[in-house]
PDB file of all heavy atoms in Angstrom:
ATOM      1  N   GLU A   1     -10.748  -3.131 -10.247  1.00  0.00           N
ATOM      2  CA  GLU A   1     -10.720  -4.271  -9.332  1.00  0.00           C
ATOM      3  C   GLU A   1     -10.228  -5.527 -10.035  1.00  0.00           C
ATOM      4  O   GLU A   1      -9.483  -6.332  -9.443  1.00  0.00           O
ATOM      5  CB  GLU A   1     -12.120  -4.510  -8.754  1.00  0.00           C
ATOM      6  CG  GLU A   1     -12.615  -3.426  -7.805  1.00  0.00           C
ATOM      7  CD  GLU A   1     -12.976  -2.117  -8.507  1.00  0.00           C
ATOM      8  OE1 GLU A   1     -13.264  -2.159  -9.748  1.00  0.00           O
ATOM      9  OE2 GLU A   1     -12.948  -1.060  -7.850  1.00  0.00           O
ATOM     10  N   GLU A   2     -10.608  -5.720 -11.286  1.00  0.00           N
ATOM     11  CA  GLU A   2     -10.144  -6.898 -12.034  1.00  0.00           C
ATOM     12  C   GLU A   2      -8.649  -6.796 -12.345  1.00  0.00           C
ATOM     13  O   GLU A   2      -7.949  -7.818 -12.373  1.00  0.00           O
ATOM     14  CB  GLU A   2     -10.960  -7.048 -13.316  1.00  0.00           C
ATOM     15  CG  GLU A   2     -12.383  -7.528 -13.056  1.00  0.00           C
ATOM     16  CD  GLU A   2     -13.256  -7.471 -14.289  1.00  0.00           C
ATOM     17  OE1 GLU A   2     -13.017  -6.621 -15.178  1.00  0.00           O
ATOM     18  OE2 GLU A   2     -14.208  -8.287 -14.377  1.00  0.00           O
ATOM     19  N   LEU A   3      -8.156  -5.591 -12.574  1.00  0.00           N
ATOM     20  CA  LEU A   3      -6.713  -5.411 -12.753  1.00  0.00           C
ATOM     21  C   LEU A   3      -5.965  -5.829 -11.495  1.00  0.00           C
ATOM     22  O   LEU A   3      -4.962  -6.552 -11.550  1.00  0.00           O
ATOM     23  CB  LEU A   3      -6.390  -3.955 -13.087  1.00  0.00           C
ATOM     24  CG  LEU A   3      -6.795  -3.419 -14.463  1.00  0.00           C
ATOM     25  CD1 LEU A   3      -6.459  -1.940 -14.573  1.00  0.00           C
ATOM     26  CD2 LEU A   3      -6.107  -4.192 -15.573  1.00  0.00           C
ATOM     27  N   HIS A   4      -6.441  -5.361 -10.344  1.00  0.00           N
ATOM     28  CA  HIS A   4      -5.799  -5.706  -9.072  1.00  0.00           C
ATOM     29  C   HIS A   4      -5.858  -7.209  -8.828  1.00  0.00           C
ATOM     30  O   HIS A   4      -4.862  -7.819  -8.403  1.00  0.00           O
ATOM     31  CB  HIS A   4      -6.491  -4.966  -7.925  1.00  0.00           C
ATOM     32  CG  HIS A   4      -6.259  -3.489  -7.949  1.00  0.00           C
ATOM     33  ND1 HIS A   4      -6.816  -2.629  -7.025  1.00  0.00           N
ATOM     34  CD2 HIS A   4      -5.536  -2.697  -8.781  1.00  0.00           C
ATOM     35  CE1 HIS A   4      -6.451  -1.387  -7.281  1.00  0.00           C
ATOM     36  NE2 HIS A   4      -5.680  -1.407  -8.349  1.00  0.00           N
ATOM     37  N   ASP A   5      -7.001  -7.815  -9.091  1.00  0.00           N
ATOM     38  CA  ASP A   5      -7.168  -9.252  -8.870  1.00  0.00           C
ATOM     39  C   ASP A   5      -6.227 -10.048  -9.767  1.00  0.00           C
ATOM     40  O   ASP A   5      -5.592 -11.022  -9.328  1.00  0.00           O
ATOM     41  CB  ASP A   5      -8.623  -9.637  -9.137  1.00  0.00           C
ATOM     42  CG  ASP A   5      -8.882 -11.126  -8.931  1.00  0.00           C
ATOM     43  OD1 ASP A   5      -8.347 -11.682  -7.949  1.00  0.00           O
ATOM     44  OD2 ASP A   5      -9.596 -11.729  -9.745  1.00  0.00           O
ATOM     45  N   PHE A   6      -6.110  -9.643 -11.023  1.00  0.00           N
ATOM     46  CA  PHE A   6      -5.221 -10.318 -11.965  1.00  0.00           C
ATOM     47  C   PHE A   6      -3.780 -10.227 -11.474  1.00  0.00           C
ATOM     48  O   PHE A   6      -3.034 -11.209 -11.521  1.00  0.00           O
ATOM     49  CB  PHE A   6      -5.354  -9.674 -13.346  1.00  0.00           C
ATOM     50  CG  PHE A   6      -4.653 -10.424 -14.449  1.00  0.00           C
ATOM     51  CD1 PHE A   6      -5.333 -11.361 -15.207  1.00  0.00           C
ATOM     52  CD2 PHE A   6      -3.313 -10.181 -14.738  1.00  0.00           C
ATOM     53  CE1 PHE A   6      -4.694 -12.048 -16.225  1.00  0.00           C
ATOM     54  CE2 PHE A   6      -2.669 -10.865 -15.754  1.00  0.00           C
ATOM     55  CZ  PHE A   6      -3.352 -11.799 -16.506  1.00  0.00           C
ATOM     56  N   GLY A   7      -3.388  -9.040 -11.015  1.00  0.00           N
ATOM     57  CA  GLY A   7      -2.025  -8.867 -10.540  1.00  0.00           C
ATOM     58  C   GLY A   7      -1.714  -9.748  -9.350  1.00  0.00           C
ATOM     59  O   GLY A   7      -0.699 -10.454  -9.327  1.00  0.00           O
ATOM     60  N   ARG A   8      -2.587  -9.731  -8.360  1.00  0.00           N
ATOM     61  CA  ARG A   8      -2.324 -10.491  -7.125  1.00  0.00           C
ATOM     62  C   ARG A   8      -2.474 -11.998  -7.342  1.00  0.00           C
ATOM     63  O   ARG A   8      -1.586 -12.779  -6.996  1.00  0.00           O
ATOM     64  CB  ARG A   8      -3.282 -10.033  -6.021  1.00  0.00           C
ATOM     65  CG  ARG A   8      -3.047  -8.622  -5.512  1.00  0.00           C
ATOM     66  CD  ARG A   8      -3.801  -8.398  -4.198  1.00  0.00           C
ATOM     67  NE  ARG A   8      -3.703  -7.010  -3.766  1.00  0.00           N
ATOM     68  CZ  ARG A   8      -4.599  -6.070  -4.028  1.00  0.00           C
ATOM     69  NH1 ARG A   8      -5.687  -6.372  -4.724  1.00  0.00           N
ATOM     70  NH2 ARG A   8      -4.431  -4.833  -3.598  1.00  0.00           N
ATOM     71  N   ARG A   9      -3.614 -12.397  -7.903  1.00  0.00           N
ATOM     72  CA  ARG A   9      -3.955 -13.825  -7.951  1.00  0.00           C
ATOM     73  C   ARG A   9      -3.275 -14.559  -9.103  1.00  0.00           C
ATOM     74  O   ARG A   9      -2.845 -15.704  -8.947  1.00  0.00           O
ATOM     75  CB  ARG A   9      -5.473 -13.966  -8.053  1.00  0.00           C
ATOM     76  CG  ARG A   9      -5.977 -15.400  -8.011  1.00  0.00           C
ATOM     77  CD  ARG A   9      -7.484 -15.431  -7.797  1.00  0.00           C
ATOM     78  NE  ARG A   9      -8.202 -14.687  -8.821  1.00  0.00           N
ATOM     79  CZ  ARG A   9      -8.588 -15.203  -9.994  1.00  0.00           C
ATOM     80  NH1 ARG A   9      -8.321 -16.469 -10.288  1.00  0.00           N
ATOM     81  NH2 ARG A   9      -9.263 -14.463 -10.874  1.00  0.00           N
ATOM     82  N   ILE A  10      -3.156 -13.918 -10.250  1.00  0.00           N
ATOM     83  CA  ILE A  10      -2.626 -14.595 -11.436  1.00  0.00           C
ATOM     84  C   ILE A  10      -1.113 -14.403 -11.576  1.00  0.00           C
ATOM     85  O   ILE A  10      -0.395 -15.337 -11.928  1.00  0.00           O
ATOM     86  CB  ILE A  10      -3.327 -14.102 -12.721  1.00  0.00           C
ATOM     87  CG1 ILE A  10      -4.864 -14.222 -12.588  1.00  0.00           C
ATOM     88  CG2 ILE A  10      -2.828 -14.868 -13.938  1.00  0.00           C
ATOM     89  CD1 ILE A  10      -5.346 -15.629 -12.333  1.00  0.00           C
ATOM     90  N   CYS A  11      -0.637 -13.203 -11.253  1.00  0.00           N
ATOM     91  CA  CYS A  11       0.780 -12.902 -11.480  1.00  0.00           C
ATOM     92  C   CYS A  11       1.602 -12.786 -10.201  1.00  0.00           C
ATOM     93  O   CYS A  11       2.821 -12.603 -10.269  1.00  0.00           O
ATOM     94  CB  CYS A  11       0.914 -11.604 -12.285  1.00  0.00           C
ATOM     95  SG  CYS A  11       0.206 -11.703 -13.950  1.00  0.00           S
ATOM     96  N   GLY A  12       0.948 -12.870  -9.042  1.00  0.00           N
ATOM     97  CA  GLY A  12       1.690 -12.810  -7.789  1.00  0.00           C
ATOM     98  C   GLY A  12       2.297 -11.461  -7.489  1.00  0.00           C
ATOM     99  O   GLY A  12       3.326 -11.364  -6.805  1.00  0.00           O
ATOM    100  N   VAL A  13       1.671 -10.387  -7.965  1.00  0.00           N
ATOM    101  CA  VAL A  13       2.160  -9.022  -7.721  1.00  0.00           C
ATOM    102  C   VAL A  13       1.538  -8.516  -6.426  1.00  0.00           C
ATOM    103  O   VAL A  13       0.309  -8.441  -6.309  1.00  0.00           O
ATOM    104  CB  VAL A  13       1.805  -8.097  -8.903  1.00  0.00           C
ATOM    105  CG1 VAL A  13       2.246  -6.658  -8.620  1.00  0.00           C
ATOM    106  CG2 VAL A  13       2.439  -8.614 -10.192  1.00  0.00           C
ATOM    107  N   SER A  14       2.359  -8.155  -5.468  1.00  0.00           N
ATOM    108  CA  SER A  14       1.841  -7.782  -4.147  1.00  0.00           C
ATOM    109  C   SER A  14       1.181  -6.407  -4.139  1.00  0.00           C
ATOM    110  O   SER A  14       0.241  -6.173  -3.374  1.00  0.00           O
ATOM    111  CB  SER A  14       2.965  -7.818  -3.107  1.00  0.00           C
ATOM    112  OG  SER A  14       4.008  -6.920  -3.463  1.00  0.00           O
ATOM    113  N   GLN A  15       1.654  -5.488  -4.990  1.00  0.00           N
ATOM    114  CA  GLN A  15       1.112  -4.127  -5.005  1.00  0.00           C
ATOM    115  C   GLN A  15       0.745  -3.709  -6.430  1.00  0.00           C
ATOM    116  O   GLN A  15       1.401  -2.856  -7.034  1.00  0.00           O
ATOM    117  CB  GLN A  15       2.121  -3.149  -4.406  1.00  0.00           C
ATOM    118  CG  GLN A  15       2.386  -3.394  -2.926  1.00  0.00           C
ATOM    119  CD  GLN A  15       3.358  -2.378  -2.352  1.00  0.00           C
ATOM    120  OE1 GLN A  15       4.467  -2.181  -2.858  1.00  0.00           O
ATOM    121  NE2 GLN A  15       2.941  -1.702  -1.295  1.00  0.00           N
ATOM    122  N   PRO A  16      -0.291  -4.295  -6.987  1.00  0.00           N
ATOM    123  CA  PRO A  16      -0.668  -3.956  -8.370  1.00  0.00           C
ATOM    124  C   PRO A  16      -1.053  -2.488  -8.537  1.00  0.00           C
ATOM    125  O   PRO A  16      -0.826  -1.920  -9.603  1.00  0.00           O
ATOM    126  CB  PRO A  16      -1.852  -4.889  -8.652  1.00  0.00           C
ATOM    127  CG  PRO A  16      -2.367  -5.295  -7.308  1.00  0.00           C
ATOM    128  CD  PRO A  16      -1.186  -5.327  -6.414  1.00  0.00           C
ATOM    129  N   ALA A  17      -1.623  -1.881  -7.500  1.00  0.00           N
ATOM    130  CA  ALA A  17      -2.017  -0.467  -7.607  1.00  0.00           C
ATOM    131  C   ALA A  17      -0.810   0.425  -7.851  1.00  0.00           C
ATOM    132  O   ALA A  17      -0.901   1.432  -8.575  1.00  0.00           O
ATOM    133  CB  ALA A  17      -2.753  -0.030  -6.344  1.00  0.00           C
ATOM    134  N   GLN A  18       0.310   0.064  -7.265  1.00  0.00           N
ATOM    135  CA  GLN A  18       1.523   0.853  -7.459  1.00  0.00           C
ATOM    136  C   GLN A  18       2.006   0.768  -8.903  1.00  0.00           C
ATOM    137  O   GLN A  18       2.463   1.771  -9.475  1.00  0.00           O
ATOM    138  CB  GLN A  18       2.619   0.359  -6.508  1.00  0.00           C
ATOM    139  CG  GLN A  18       3.898   1.179  -6.559  1.00  0.00           C
ATOM    140  CD  GLN A  18       4.891   0.740  -5.501  1.00  0.00           C
ATOM    141  OE1 GLN A  18       4.527   0.265  -4.432  1.00  0.00           O
ATOM    142  NE2 GLN A  18       6.170   0.899  -5.810  1.00  0.00           N
ATOM    143  N   VAL A  19       1.896  -0.414  -9.511  1.00  0.00           N
ATOM    144  CA  VAL A  19       2.257  -0.577 -10.920  1.00  0.00           C
ATOM    145  C   VAL A  19       1.371   0.308 -11.786  1.00  0.00           C
ATOM    146  O   VAL A  19       1.852   1.008 -12.689  1.00  0.00           O
ATOM    147  CB  VAL A  19       2.116  -2.055 -11.343  1.00  0.00           C
ATOM    148  CG1 VAL A  19       2.323  -2.216 -12.853  1.00  0.00           C
ATOM    149  CG2 VAL A  19       3.097  -2.929 -10.574  1.00  0.00           C
ATOM    150  N   ILE A  20       0.086   0.311 -11.502  1.00  0.00           N
ATOM    151  CA  ILE A  20      -0.861   1.115 -12.276  1.00  0.00           C
ATOM    152  C   ILE A  20      -0.560   2.594 -12.128  1.00  0.00           C
ATOM    153  O   ILE A  20      -0.586   3.358 -13.104  1.00  0.00           O
ATOM    154  CB  ILE A  20      -2.303   0.781 -11.836  1.00  0.00           C
ATOM    155  CG1 ILE A  20      -2.646  -0.671 -12.195  1.00  0.00           C
ATOM    156  CG2 ILE A  20      -3.301   1.742 -12.467  1.00  0.00           C
ATOM    157  CD1 ILE A  20      -3.922  -1.174 -11.575  1.00  0.00           C
ATOM    158  N   ASP A  21      -0.256   3.032 -10.914  1.00  0.00           N
ATOM    159  CA  ASP A  21       0.064   4.442 -10.674  1.00  0.00           C
ATOM    160  C   ASP A  21       1.302   4.861 -11.460  1.00  0.00           C
ATOM    161  O   ASP A  21       1.339   5.948 -12.061  1.00  0.00           O
ATOM    162  CB  ASP A  21       0.304   4.690  -9.185  1.00  0.00           C
ATOM    163  CG  ASP A  21      -0.979   4.643  -8.368  1.00  0.00           C
ATOM    164  OD1 ASP A  21      -2.063   4.598  -8.985  1.00  0.00           O
ATOM    165  OD2 ASP A  21      -0.897   4.637  -7.132  1.00  0.00           O
ATOM    166  N   THR A  22       2.324   4.024 -11.452  1.00  0.00           N
ATOM    167  CA  THR A  22       3.563   4.343 -12.167  1.00  0.00           C
ATOM    168  C   THR A  22       3.305   4.488 -13.655  1.00  0.00           C
ATOM    169  O   THR A  22       3.811   5.419 -14.309  1.00  0.00           O
ATOM    170  CB  THR A  22       4.612   3.244 -11.916  1.00  0.00           C
ATOM    171  OG1 THR A  22       4.902   3.170 -10.521  1.00  0.00           O
ATOM    172  CG2 THR A  22       5.895   3.524 -12.684  1.00  0.00           C
ATOM    173  N   ILE A  23       2.506   3.590 -14.218  1.00  0.00           N
ATOM    174  CA  ILE A  23       2.180   3.660 -15.647  1.00  0.00           C
ATOM    175  C   ILE A  23       1.378   4.913 -15.954  1.00  0.00           C
ATOM    176  O   ILE A  23       1.643   5.613 -16.945  1.00  0.00           O
ATOM    177  CB  ILE A  23       1.422   2.391 -16.082  1.00  0.00           C
ATOM    178  CG1 ILE A  23       2.345   1.170 -16.008  1.00  0.00           C
ATOM    179  CG2 ILE A  23       0.864   2.554 -17.497  1.00  0.00           C
ATOM    180  CD1 ILE A  23       1.645  -0.153 -16.260  1.00  0.00           C
ATOM    181  N   ALA A  24       0.399   5.243 -15.114  1.00  0.00           N
ATOM    182  CA  ALA A  24      -0.425   6.433 -15.344  1.00  0.00           C
ATOM    183  C   ALA A  24       0.422   7.700 -15.334  1.00  0.00           C
ATOM    184  O   ALA A  24       0.231   8.597 -16.171  1.00  0.00           O
ATOM    185  CB  ALA A  24      -1.526   6.508 -14.289  1.00  0.00           C
ATOM    186  N   GLN A  25       1.342   7.796 -14.390  1.00  0.00           N
ATOM    187  CA  GLN A  25       2.224   8.968 -14.332  1.00  0.00           C
ATOM    188  C   GLN A  25       3.080   9.068 -15.589  1.00  0.00           C
ATOM    189  O   GLN A  25       3.267  10.158 -16.146  1.00  0.00           O
ATOM    190  CB  GLN A  25       3.113   8.884 -13.094  1.00  0.00           C
ATOM    191  CG  GLN A  25       2.372   9.048 -11.780  1.00  0.00           C
ATOM    192  CD  GLN A  25       3.237   8.748 -10.576  1.00  0.00           C
ATOM    193  OE1 GLN A  25       4.460   8.675 -10.678  1.00  0.00           O
ATOM    194  NE2 GLN A  25       2.610   8.544  -9.426  1.00  0.00           N
ATOM    195  N   ALA A  26       3.596   7.928 -16.053  1.00  0.00           N
ATOM    196  CA  ALA A  26       4.418   7.923 -17.263  1.00  0.00           C
ATOM    197  C   ALA A  26       3.593   8.332 -18.485  1.00  0.00           C
ATOM    198  O   ALA A  26       4.089   9.056 -19.369  1.00  0.00           O
ATOM    199  CB  ALA A  26       5.022   6.541 -17.470  1.00  0.00           C
ATOM    200  N   MET A  27       2.354   7.875 -18.564  1.00  0.00           N
ATOM    201  CA  MET A  27       1.480   8.253 -19.680  1.00  0.00           C
ATOM    202  C   MET A  27       1.232   9.752 -19.680  1.00  0.00           C
ATOM    203  O   MET A  27       1.306  10.415 -20.722  1.00  0.00           O
ATOM    204  CB  MET A  27       0.158   7.481 -19.586  1.00  0.00           C
ATOM    205  CG  MET A  27       0.291   5.985 -19.847  1.00  0.00           C
ATOM    206  SD  MET A  27      -1.190   5.036 -19.361  1.00  0.00           S
ATOM    207  CE  MET A  27      -2.415   5.701 -20.502  1.00  0.00           C
ATOM    208  N   GLN A  28       0.931  10.315 -18.510  1.00  0.00           N
ATOM    209  CA  GLN A  28       0.666  11.752 -18.410  1.00  0.00           C
ATOM    210  C   GLN A  28       1.895  12.567 -18.808  1.00  0.00           C
ATOM    211  O   GLN A  28       1.800  13.534 -19.572  1.00  0.00           O
ATOM    212  CB  GLN A  28       0.245  12.106 -16.982  1.00  0.00           C
ATOM    213  CG  GLN A  28      -0.163  13.564 -16.790  1.00  0.00           C
ATOM    214  CD  GLN A  28      -1.367  13.938 -17.643  1.00  0.00           C
ATOM    215  OE1 GLN A  28      -2.388  13.253 -17.633  1.00  0.00           O
ATOM    216  NE2 GLN A  28      -1.249  15.026 -18.402  1.00  0.00           N
TER     217      GLN A  28
END
């Protein structure tokens, strides 16, 4: 939840969950 909040409120990222998903897939 803090990752999502940081993305939206601090960095203006509309879909932070999508960024996280992309990174997780790349890590795997």
